[in-house]
Each structure stands twice: as structure tokens, then as C-alpha cells.
Amino acid sequence: MILTGWIPFLEPMNWLQGLWYVLLVPLAFGIAASYKAMRIVDMRNYWRQVGMMTGQIVVVIAALAVGLILFVTFVLPRT
């Protein structure tokens, strides 16, 4: 695939799909840092709250991924 004619939504870059879990942590950190920067009143606990929210996001998305894998593997073949 030549990148000069790459159309993002019509031709996705499939080489990153197997590594989604590696990109999950920076994505969650960016979301948590941005959200907490706008919402927190006292900045003394900023990094602790960003870390906690990052962990929550990662755990929930990983649990959803496992749940969907189990659903597709065991429930859908029976229908």
C-alpha cells in the first residue's frame, strides 16, 4: 500500500489492529489527563486521580474485550 493515496476510512492501516492493547494505555492516559485537568478543583491530587482513572479505563476496556471474545466464541455459535 502506497501512503500517497491512502484514504483513512476506506483503507484502514491493519498492521496496528493486533497491537490495540499496547496503544490502550497512552490513549487512556491522555483521556484521563485531559478530563481531570478540566474537572479537578485541587491540583494536589491531580496525578493520583489521573493514574486511578487511567487504570479504571484500562481495566474496563480489557474486561469488555474479554467479555466480547467469550460472547463471540461461546454464545454466538449456538444460535
Protein backbone atom coordinates (compact mmCIF):
# COMPACT_ATOMS: atom_id res chain seq x y z
CA MET A 1 0.00 0.00 0.00
CA ILE A 2 1.41 3.37 -1.02
CA LEU A 3 0.70 6.08 1.56
CA THR A 4 0.40 8.84 -1.02
CA GLY A 5 -3.02 7.52 -1.99
CA TRP A 6 -4.08 6.37 1.48
CA ILE A 7 -7.70 7.10 2.41
CA PRO A 8 -8.08 6.61 6.19
CA PHE A 9 -11.69 5.46 6.45
CA LEU A 10 -11.77 3.41 3.26
CA GLU A 11 -8.37 1.72 3.64
CA PRO A 12 -7.53 1.35 7.35
CA MET A 13 -3.99 0.51 8.46
CA ASN A 14 -4.42 -3.10 9.50
CA TRP A 15 -0.90 -3.51 10.86
CA LEU A 16 -1.90 -1.86 14.17
CA GLN A 17 -5.01 -3.93 14.82
CA GLY A 18 -3.05 -6.68 16.54
CA LEU A 19 -1.44 -4.17 18.89
CA TRP A 20 -4.52 -2.35 20.17
CA TYR A 21 -3.75 -3.27 23.76
CA VAL A 22 -0.35 -1.54 23.57
CA LEU A 23 -1.98 1.70 22.45
CA LEU A 24 -4.71 1.44 25.08
CA VAL A 25 -2.57 2.77 27.95
CA PRO A 26 -1.44 6.02 26.24
CA LEU A 27 -4.97 6.60 24.98
CA ALA A 28 -6.44 6.09 28.44
CA PHE A 29 -3.76 8.31 29.99
CA GLY A 30 -4.50 11.12 27.54
CA ILE A 31 -8.23 10.89 28.14
CA ALA A 32 -7.77 10.83 31.91
CA ALA A 33 -5.27 13.71 31.96
CA SER A 34 -7.49 15.88 29.77
CA TYR A 35 -10.65 15.10 31.71
CA LYS A 36 -9.09 15.62 35.13
CA ALA A 37 -7.38 18.84 34.03
CA MET A 38 -10.80 20.29 33.28
CA ARG A 39 -12.72 18.84 36.23
CA ILE A 40 -10.42 18.79 39.25
CA VAL A 41 -10.51 21.71 41.68
CA ASP A 42 -7.50 20.89 43.86
CA MET A 43 -4.36 20.12 41.83
CA ARG A 44 -2.54 18.42 44.72
CA ASN A 45 -4.17 15.08 43.89
CA TYR A 46 -4.07 15.51 40.12
CA TRP A 47 -1.57 12.79 39.19
CA ARG A 48 -3.04 10.28 41.62
CA GLN A 49 -6.50 10.81 40.18
CA VAL A 50 -5.17 10.63 36.62
CA GLY A 51 -3.48 7.33 37.46
CA MET A 52 -6.63 5.95 39.05
CA MET A 53 -8.79 6.95 36.10
CA THR A 54 -6.25 5.54 33.63
CA GLY A 55 -6.33 2.24 35.50
CA GLN A 56 -10.12 2.22 35.53
CA ILE A 57 -10.32 2.85 31.80
CA VAL A 58 -7.78 0.12 31.01
CA VAL A 59 -9.45 -2.45 33.27
CA VAL A 60 -12.95 -1.75 31.93
CA ILE A 61 -11.91 -1.87 28.27
CA ALA A 62 -9.91 -5.06 28.83
CA ALA A 63 -12.88 -6.64 30.63
CA LEU A 64 -15.18 -5.63 27.78
CA ALA A 65 -12.76 -7.17 25.28
CA VAL A 66 -12.64 -10.45 27.21
CA GLY A 67 -16.42 -10.44 27.55
CA LEU A 68 -16.91 -9.89 23.84
CA ILE A 69 -14.41 -12.62 22.99
CA LEU A 70 -16.26 -15.05 25.24
CA PHE A 71 -19.61 -13.99 23.80
CA VAL A 72 -18.48 -14.46 20.21
CA THR A 73 -16.74 -17.73 20.98
CA PHE A 74 -19.39 -19.48 23.07
CA VAL A 75 -22.77 -17.78 22.71
CA LEU A 76 -22.99 -16.85 19.04
CA PRO A 77 -22.10 -20.29 17.62
CA ARG A 78 -25.16 -21.75 19.37
CA THR A 79 -27.59 -19.50 17.53
